[in-house]
Amino acid sequence: IICTIGPKTKSVEMITKLREAGMNIVRMNFSHGSYEYHGEVIANARKSYEQDPMGGNLLAIALDTKGPEIRTGMTVGNENVMLEKGTRLTVTTDEAKKDECSASLIYMDYKNLPKVMSIGGIIFVDDGLIALKCVSIDAGAGTLECEVVNSGLLGSKKGCNLPEVDVDLPALSQKDKADLAFAVEQNVDMIFASFIRKAQDVRDVRACLVAADPVIGKRIRIVSKIENHEGVRNFDAILAETDGVMVARGDLGMEIPMEKVWMAQKMMITKCKAAGKYVVTATEMLASMEDKPFPTRAEACDVANAVLDGTNAVMLSSESAMGDFPVETVTTMRRIVEEAEHAMASVKQLVDA
């Protein structure tokens, strides 16, 4: 069980409680927080283990990179802007407009956007709360004309997804490179590498780690997060290079059709098992427990089915980072996992008999 650690759970006491409930891996999300904050999480995790090894149950530490991403600019006055369904607006890559986002103009920080987009293509903004359909492209001006598919509030610096588009962003941003150097300095156990699209991306992550320290950089395990259609398409080549895989269903569900996410999950888990490499299933596993002391029945089935598929780890995100019931969530997840594992053992006994 992997737990994302947030301000509510970063203390030695809370980390110990999460370990007692069933946590095995501490995850730090480097999309947020300073080095000072993450250094404190690492120190507290190690102190928790030193104070109470709990019969030798190991505790691993993982750094989750921010990864390459596309974001909108700032809205005028940093105020939320209502985009109405059916209206048209201009999407620009002109940096001079980066602080002028409005109901008629949105800046996106990806220079090659007009080159990779096609007429009829969709841009999701803010996890799909807003969808824009491309109706015309002016590559010379670096602009797209888009129609708003669904109404929604646009805030500043929102993430963008380009479903089924081959994006040519580098695997590692300057921030990612600095974060990987920090990971080596702190001697963490594994890297959750975001938005891995091809095998070379994994090699780039490894090279960055080894450049920081040849010994530690080689030891740290790389778990490649598959979050877009390119990663799914190039999965076999990625699997040959990586130490493990994360089925990152959040962004993946924005990048490929929602009805195909389950299929991608099962494909990746099956291939990881065949290759003898570990696999993590993540995103919204017990999301309702962020503000409730119990999960939905669908969530309980989701966790169990991931175990039955053969996943090696399941992950909690906001549930453990900022939820109201972090310890209860881990306890619930452990119980579901144990029940599923017992069921698998029973079936195996029947088959062997």
Protein backbone atom coordinates (compact mmCIF):
# COMPACT_ATOMS: atom_id res chain seq x y z
CA ILE A 1 0.00 0.00 0.00
CA ILE A 2 1.45 3.33 -1.14
CA CYS A 3 0.37 6.50 0.70
CA THR A 4 0.86 10.04 -0.54
CA ILE A 5 2.01 12.10 2.43
CA GLY A 6 0.58 15.59 2.90
CA PRO A 7 0.59 18.23 5.63
CA LYS A 8 -1.96 16.24 7.67
CA THR A 9 0.13 13.07 7.66
CA LYS A 10 3.77 14.18 7.59
CA SER A 11 4.51 13.88 11.32
CA VAL A 12 6.43 10.93 12.76
CA GLU A 13 3.34 10.00 14.78
CA MET A 14 1.02 9.96 11.75
CA ILE A 15 3.49 8.09 9.55
CA THR A 16 3.77 5.45 12.28
CA LYS A 17 -0.03 5.18 12.45
CA LEU A 18 -0.22 4.76 8.68
CA ARG A 19 2.45 2.05 8.84
CA GLU A 20 0.54 0.26 11.58
CA ALA A 21 -2.58 0.46 9.40
CA GLY A 22 -0.78 -1.12 6.44
CA MET A 23 1.32 1.46 4.56
CA ASN A 24 4.53 0.10 3.01
CA ILE A 25 5.65 2.97 0.78
CA VAL A 26 5.72 6.72 1.42
CA ARG A 27 5.00 8.77 -1.72
CA MET A 28 5.99 12.42 -2.09
CA ASN A 29 4.24 14.32 -4.87
CA PHE A 30 6.77 16.78 -6.30
CA SER A 31 4.06 18.72 -8.12
CA HIS A 32 3.70 20.43 -4.75
CA GLY A 33 5.90 21.39 -1.82
CA SER A 34 9.44 22.64 -1.26
CA TYR A 35 12.64 20.66 -0.78
CA GLU A 36 12.50 21.63 2.88
CA TYR A 37 9.02 20.12 3.19
CA HIS A 38 9.89 16.90 1.37
CA GLY A 39 13.15 16.60 3.30
CA GLU A 40 11.11 16.72 6.49
CA VAL A 41 8.81 13.95 5.22
CA ILE A 42 11.82 11.75 4.43
CA ALA A 43 13.41 12.40 7.82
CA ASN A 44 10.14 11.69 9.65
CA ALA A 45 9.58 8.46 7.70
CA ARG A 46 13.04 7.21 8.59
CA LYS A 47 12.63 8.27 12.20
CA SER A 48 9.32 6.37 12.38
CA TYR A 49 11.06 3.24 11.14
CA GLU A 50 13.99 3.65 13.53
CA GLN A 51 11.66 4.13 16.50
CA ASP A 52 9.43 1.21 15.57
CA PRO A 53 10.60 -1.22 12.85
CA MET A 54 7.38 -3.22 13.50
CA GLY A 55 8.99 -6.64 13.28
CA GLY A 56 11.25 -5.63 10.42
CA ASN A 57 8.46 -4.57 8.04
CA LEU A 58 10.34 -2.37 5.59
CA LEU A 59 9.31 1.16 4.63
CA ALA A 60 10.29 2.48 1.19
CA ILE A 61 10.36 6.12 0.11
CA ALA A 62 9.26 7.20 -3.38
CA LEU A 63 9.59 10.53 -5.18
CA ASP A 64 6.88 11.21 -7.78
CA THR A 65 8.11 13.66 -10.41
CA LYS A 66 6.00 16.51 -11.73
CA GLY A 67 6.88 15.57 -15.30
CA PRO A 68 6.39 17.53 -18.52
CA GLU A 69 3.04 19.25 -18.71
CA ILE A 70 1.02 21.84 -20.57
CA ARG A 71 -0.67 24.63 -18.61
CA THR A 72 -2.79 27.68 -19.29
CA GLY A 73 -1.59 31.14 -18.34
CA MET A 74 -2.92 33.53 -15.72
CA THR A 75 -6.43 34.89 -16.05
CA VAL A 76 -6.87 38.66 -16.04
CA GLY A 77 -6.75 39.78 -12.41
CA ASN A 78 -6.34 36.12 -11.44
CA GLU A 79 -10.14 35.89 -11.43
CA ASN A 80 -12.08 32.80 -12.52
CA VAL A 81 -13.58 33.21 -15.99
CA MET A 82 -16.83 31.56 -17.11
CA LEU A 83 -16.56 29.84 -20.49
CA GLU A 84 -19.99 29.25 -22.01
CA LYS A 85 -20.82 26.18 -24.10
CA GLY A 86 -20.97 26.92 -27.83
CA THR A 87 -18.90 30.09 -27.72
CA ARG A 88 -15.62 30.42 -29.60
CA LEU A 89 -12.26 31.58 -28.34
CA THR A 90 -8.63 31.78 -29.42
CA VAL A 91 -5.93 29.58 -27.93
CA THR A 92 -2.49 31.18 -28.32
CA THR A 93 1.09 30.10 -27.65
CA ASP A 94 2.33 33.71 -27.66
CA GLU A 95 4.09 34.30 -24.33
CA ALA A 96 3.22 37.98 -24.49
CA LYS A 97 -0.38 36.90 -23.79
CA LYS A 98 0.41 34.55 -20.88
CA ASP A 99 -1.22 36.83 -18.28
CA GLU A 100 -4.25 37.75 -20.40
CA CYS A 101 -6.46 34.64 -20.29
CA SER A 102 -10.13 35.55 -20.65
CA ALA A 103 -13.41 34.28 -22.11
CA SER A 104 -12.07 35.05 -25.61
CA LEU A 105 -8.36 34.19 -25.29
CA ILE A 106 -6.44 31.41 -23.53
CA TYR A 107 -2.65 31.12 -23.47
CA MET A 108 -1.10 27.61 -23.36
CA ASP A 109 2.62 27.12 -22.74
CA TYR A 110 3.29 24.57 -25.50
CA LYS A 111 4.87 26.19 -28.56
CA ASN A 112 4.18 23.27 -30.89
CA LEU A 113 0.47 23.09 -30.06
CA PRO A 114 -0.66 24.35 -33.52
CA LYS A 115 1.64 21.77 -35.20
CA VAL A 116 0.40 18.72 -33.30
CA MET A 117 -3.32 19.58 -33.12
CA SER A 118 -5.77 18.76 -35.88
CA ILE A 119 -9.20 20.10 -36.82
CA GLY A 120 -11.80 18.43 -34.61
CA GLY A 121 -9.22 17.60 -31.93
CA ILE A 122 -10.12 18.11 -28.28
CA ILE A 123 -8.21 19.94 -25.55
CA PHE A 124 -9.20 19.12 -21.98
CA VAL A 125 -8.51 21.81 -19.39
CA ASP A 126 -8.47 21.34 -15.61
CA ASP A 127 -8.99 17.55 -15.59
CA GLY A 128 -11.73 17.78 -18.21
CA LEU A 129 -13.88 20.35 -16.42
CA ILE A 130 -13.56 22.33 -19.64
CA ALA A 131 -13.33 20.81 -23.13
CA LEU A 132 -12.34 22.81 -26.21
CA LYS A 133 -12.82 21.58 -29.80
CA CYS A 134 -10.36 22.84 -32.40
CA VAL A 135 -12.18 24.34 -35.40
CA SER A 136 -9.28 26.08 -37.19
CA ILE A 137 -5.49 26.40 -36.95
CA ASP A 138 -3.14 29.27 -37.83
CA ALA A 139 0.32 27.73 -37.40
CA GLY A 140 2.04 30.94 -38.50
CA ALA A 141 0.37 32.98 -35.77
CA GLY A 142 0.66 30.15 -33.25
CA THR A 143 -3.08 30.11 -32.59
CA LEU A 144 -6.10 27.82 -32.67
CA GLU A 145 -9.73 28.78 -32.87
CA CYS A 146 -11.73 26.57 -30.52
CA GLU A 147 -15.34 26.00 -29.59
CA VAL A 148 -16.24 25.49 -25.93
CA VAL A 149 -17.81 22.02 -25.66
CA ASN A 150 -18.98 22.32 -22.07
CA SER A 151 -19.40 25.33 -19.81
CA GLY A 152 -17.02 25.76 -16.91
CA LEU A 153 -14.95 28.15 -14.82
CA LEU A 154 -11.40 28.76 -16.04
CA GLY A 155 -8.83 29.57 -13.38
CA SER A 156 -5.13 30.39 -13.68
CA LYS A 157 -2.38 27.87 -14.46
CA LYS A 158 -4.67 24.91 -15.19
CA GLY A 159 -3.34 21.66 -16.64
CA CYS A 160 -4.21 20.67 -20.20
CA ASN A 161 -4.53 17.25 -21.84
CA LEU A 162 -4.42 16.51 -25.56
CA PRO A 163 -6.14 13.14 -26.07
CA GLU A 164 -4.54 10.87 -28.69
CA VAL A 165 -2.03 13.56 -29.71
CA ASP A 166 1.71 12.81 -29.93
CA VAL A 167 3.25 15.50 -27.73
CA ASP A 168 6.97 16.20 -28.25
CA LEU A 169 7.76 17.67 -24.84
CA PRO A 170 11.07 16.50 -23.30
CA ALA A 171 10.79 13.66 -20.78
CA LEU A 172 12.41 15.75 -18.05
CA SER A 173 11.88 19.44 -17.31
CA GLN A 174 14.58 21.46 -15.54
CA LYS A 175 12.56 21.07 -12.34
CA ASP A 176 12.46 17.29 -12.81
CA LYS A 177 16.25 17.16 -13.21
CA ALA A 178 16.74 19.14 -10.00
CA ASP A 179 14.21 16.91 -8.22
CA LEU A 180 16.03 13.76 -9.34
CA ALA A 181 19.30 15.17 -8.00
CA PHE A 182 17.49 15.77 -4.70
CA ALA A 183 16.25 12.17 -4.76
CA VAL A 184 19.82 10.91 -5.10
CA GLU A 185 21.03 13.27 -2.37
CA GLN A 186 18.31 11.92 -0.05
CA ASN A 187 18.98 8.31 -1.14
CA VAL A 188 15.30 7.53 -1.79
CA ASP A 189 14.28 4.05 -2.86
CA MET A 190 12.31 4.68 -6.02
CA ILE A 191 11.22 7.26 -8.58
CA PHE A 192 7.67 7.39 -9.89
CA ALA A 193 8.48 8.92 -13.30
CA SER A 194 5.52 10.87 -14.69
CA PHE A 195 4.28 10.90 -18.31
CA ILE A 196 6.66 8.26 -19.67
CA ARG A 197 5.88 8.00 -23.39
CA LYS A 198 8.71 5.88 -24.79
CA ALA A 199 11.68 3.74 -23.74
CA GLN A 200 14.14 6.62 -24.20
CA ASP A 201 12.29 8.56 -21.50
CA VAL A 202 13.17 5.83 -18.99
CA ARG A 203 16.80 5.89 -20.12
CA ASP A 204 16.84 9.68 -19.68
CA VAL A 205 15.59 9.36 -16.09
CA ARG A 206 18.25 6.74 -15.34
CA ALA A 207 21.00 8.86 -16.90
CA CYS A 208 19.98 11.84 -14.78
CA LEU A 209 20.08 9.73 -11.60
CA VAL A 210 23.46 8.19 -12.45
CA ALA A 211 24.90 11.61 -13.31
CA ALA A 212 24.11 12.74 -9.77
CA ASP A 213 25.75 9.66 -8.22
CA PRO A 214 26.79 6.54 -10.18
CA VAL A 215 26.18 4.14 -7.28
CA ILE A 216 22.98 5.55 -5.75
CA GLY A 217 21.62 6.54 -9.15
CA LYS A 218 21.91 2.98 -10.40
CA ARG A 219 20.32 1.52 -7.25
CA ILE A 220 17.18 3.69 -7.23
CA ARG A 221 14.28 1.87 -8.89
CA ILE A 222 12.31 3.57 -11.67
CA VAL A 223 8.55 3.06 -11.83
CA SER A 224 7.26 4.41 -15.14
CA LYS A 225 3.85 6.08 -14.96
CA ILE A 226 1.78 5.31 -18.05
CA GLU A 227 -0.54 8.30 -18.47
CA ASN A 228 -1.24 8.75 -22.18
CA HIS A 229 -1.90 6.87 -25.42
CA GLU A 230 1.77 7.05 -26.44
CA GLY A 231 2.78 5.25 -23.27
CA VAL A 232 0.16 2.57 -23.91
CA ARG A 233 1.20 2.21 -27.55
CA ASN A 234 4.90 1.94 -26.64
CA PHE A 235 4.30 -0.16 -23.54
CA ASP A 236 6.37 -3.20 -24.54
CA ALA A 237 9.49 -1.10 -25.19
CA ILE A 238 8.98 0.86 -21.96
CA LEU A 239 8.53 -2.36 -19.99
CA ALA A 240 11.87 -3.67 -21.29
CA GLU A 241 13.66 -0.61 -19.85
CA THR A 242 11.84 0.12 -16.60
CA ASP A 243 12.00 -1.55 -13.19
CA GLY A 244 8.25 -1.24 -12.66
CA VAL A 245 5.09 0.37 -14.00
CA MET A 246 2.32 2.50 -12.53
CA VAL A 247 -1.12 2.38 -14.12
CA ALA A 248 -1.81 6.09 -13.57
CA ARG A 249 -5.52 6.12 -14.30
CA GLY A 250 -6.10 9.83 -13.67
CA ASP A 251 -4.38 11.42 -16.66
CA LEU A 252 -4.71 8.17 -18.61
CA GLY A 253 -8.50 8.53 -18.37
CA MET A 254 -8.17 11.98 -19.96
CA GLU A 255 -5.83 10.85 -22.73
CA ILE A 256 -7.60 7.68 -23.89
CA PRO A 257 -11.35 6.99 -24.01
CA MET A 258 -12.71 6.42 -20.50
CA GLU A 259 -14.29 3.11 -21.52
CA LYS A 260 -10.85 1.74 -22.44
CA VAL A 261 -9.01 2.52 -19.19
CA TRP A 262 -9.96 -0.81 -17.60
CA MET A 263 -8.62 -2.62 -20.67
CA ALA A 264 -5.32 -0.73 -20.53
CA GLN A 265 -5.05 -1.53 -16.81
CA LYS A 266 -5.51 -5.25 -17.35
CA MET A 267 -3.11 -5.30 -20.30
CA MET A 268 -0.35 -3.56 -18.34
CA ILE A 269 -0.76 -5.72 -15.24
CA THR A 270 -0.76 -8.91 -17.31
CA LYS A 271 2.39 -7.93 -19.23
CA CYS A 272 4.20 -6.82 -16.06
CA LYS A 273 3.45 -10.18 -14.43
CA ALA A 274 4.73 -12.04 -17.50
CA ALA A 275 7.93 -9.96 -17.48
CA GLY A 276 8.46 -10.41 -13.74
CA LYS A 277 8.23 -6.67 -13.08
CA TYR A 278 6.17 -4.98 -10.41
CA VAL A 279 3.10 -2.90 -11.15
CA VAL A 280 1.18 -0.27 -9.19
CA THR A 281 -2.50 0.57 -9.70
CA ALA A 282 -3.34 4.17 -8.80
CA THR A 283 -5.90 6.98 -8.78
CA GLU A 284 -9.32 7.26 -7.12
CA MET A 285 -9.11 3.84 -5.52
CA LEU A 286 -10.86 5.00 -2.35
CA ALA A 287 -11.56 8.61 -3.35
CA SER A 288 -14.83 8.93 -1.42
CA MET A 289 -12.94 8.29 1.83
CA GLU A 290 -11.33 11.70 1.51
CA ASP A 291 -14.35 13.02 3.38
CA LYS A 292 -16.20 9.86 4.46
CA PRO A 293 -15.16 7.09 6.88
CA PHE A 294 -16.13 4.32 4.44
CA PRO A 295 -15.76 3.67 0.68
CA THR A 296 -18.37 3.11 -1.97
CA ARG A 297 -19.05 -0.50 -2.92
CA ALA A 298 -17.64 0.21 -6.38
CA GLU A 299 -14.37 1.43 -4.86
CA ALA A 300 -14.07 -1.67 -2.69
CA CYS A 301 -14.59 -3.83 -5.78
CA ASP A 302 -12.06 -1.73 -7.73
CA VAL A 303 -9.32 -2.34 -5.16
CA ALA A 304 -10.11 -6.06 -4.95
CA ASN A 305 -10.19 -6.47 -8.72
CA ALA A 306 -6.79 -4.78 -9.08
CA VAL A 307 -5.41 -7.36 -6.64
CA LEU A 308 -7.13 -10.20 -8.51
CA ASP A 309 -5.64 -8.85 -11.77
CA GLY A 310 -2.22 -9.26 -10.17
CA THR A 311 -1.16 -5.75 -9.16
CA ASN A 312 1.72 -5.61 -6.68
CA ALA A 313 0.70 -2.34 -5.06
CA VAL A 314 -2.28 -0.03 -4.75
CA MET A 315 -1.92 3.68 -4.15
CA LEU A 316 -3.71 6.40 -2.21
CA SER A 317 -3.40 10.02 -3.30
CA SER A 318 -5.50 12.81 -1.78
CA GLU A 319 -7.17 10.24 0.51
CA SER A 320 -4.00 10.03 2.61
CA ALA A 321 -2.43 13.39 1.74
CA MET A 322 -5.29 15.67 2.71
CA GLY A 323 -8.29 13.50 3.57
CA ASP A 324 -10.19 13.52 6.85
CA PHE A 325 -9.73 9.78 7.46
CA PRO A 326 -6.21 8.78 6.36
CA VAL A 327 -5.65 5.98 8.89
CA GLU A 328 -9.14 4.56 8.37
CA THR A 329 -8.57 4.64 4.60
CA VAL A 330 -5.35 2.62 4.83
CA THR A 331 -7.00 0.17 7.22
CA THR A 332 -9.92 -0.26 4.80
CA MET A 333 -7.60 -0.76 1.85
CA ARG A 334 -5.55 -3.34 3.76
CA ARG A 335 -8.68 -5.32 4.67
CA ILE A 336 -9.89 -5.37 1.07
CA VAL A 337 -6.44 -6.37 -0.21
CA GLU A 338 -6.13 -9.17 2.36
CA GLU A 339 -9.58 -10.49 1.49
CA ALA A 340 -8.73 -10.52 -2.22
CA GLU A 341 -5.40 -12.22 -1.57
CA HIS A 342 -7.11 -14.89 0.54
CA ALA A 343 -9.60 -15.48 -2.28
CA MET A 344 -6.75 -15.90 -4.77
CA ALA A 345 -5.04 -18.40 -2.46
CA SER A 346 -8.28 -20.38 -2.10
CA VAL A 347 -8.75 -20.58 -5.87
CA LYS A 348 -5.13 -21.69 -6.30
CA GLN A 349 -5.64 -24.44 -3.73
CA LEU A 350 -8.72 -25.66 -5.61
CA VAL A 351 -6.83 -25.66 -8.92
CA ASP A 352 -3.80 -27.42 -7.43
CA ALA A 353 -6.04 -30.05 -5.83
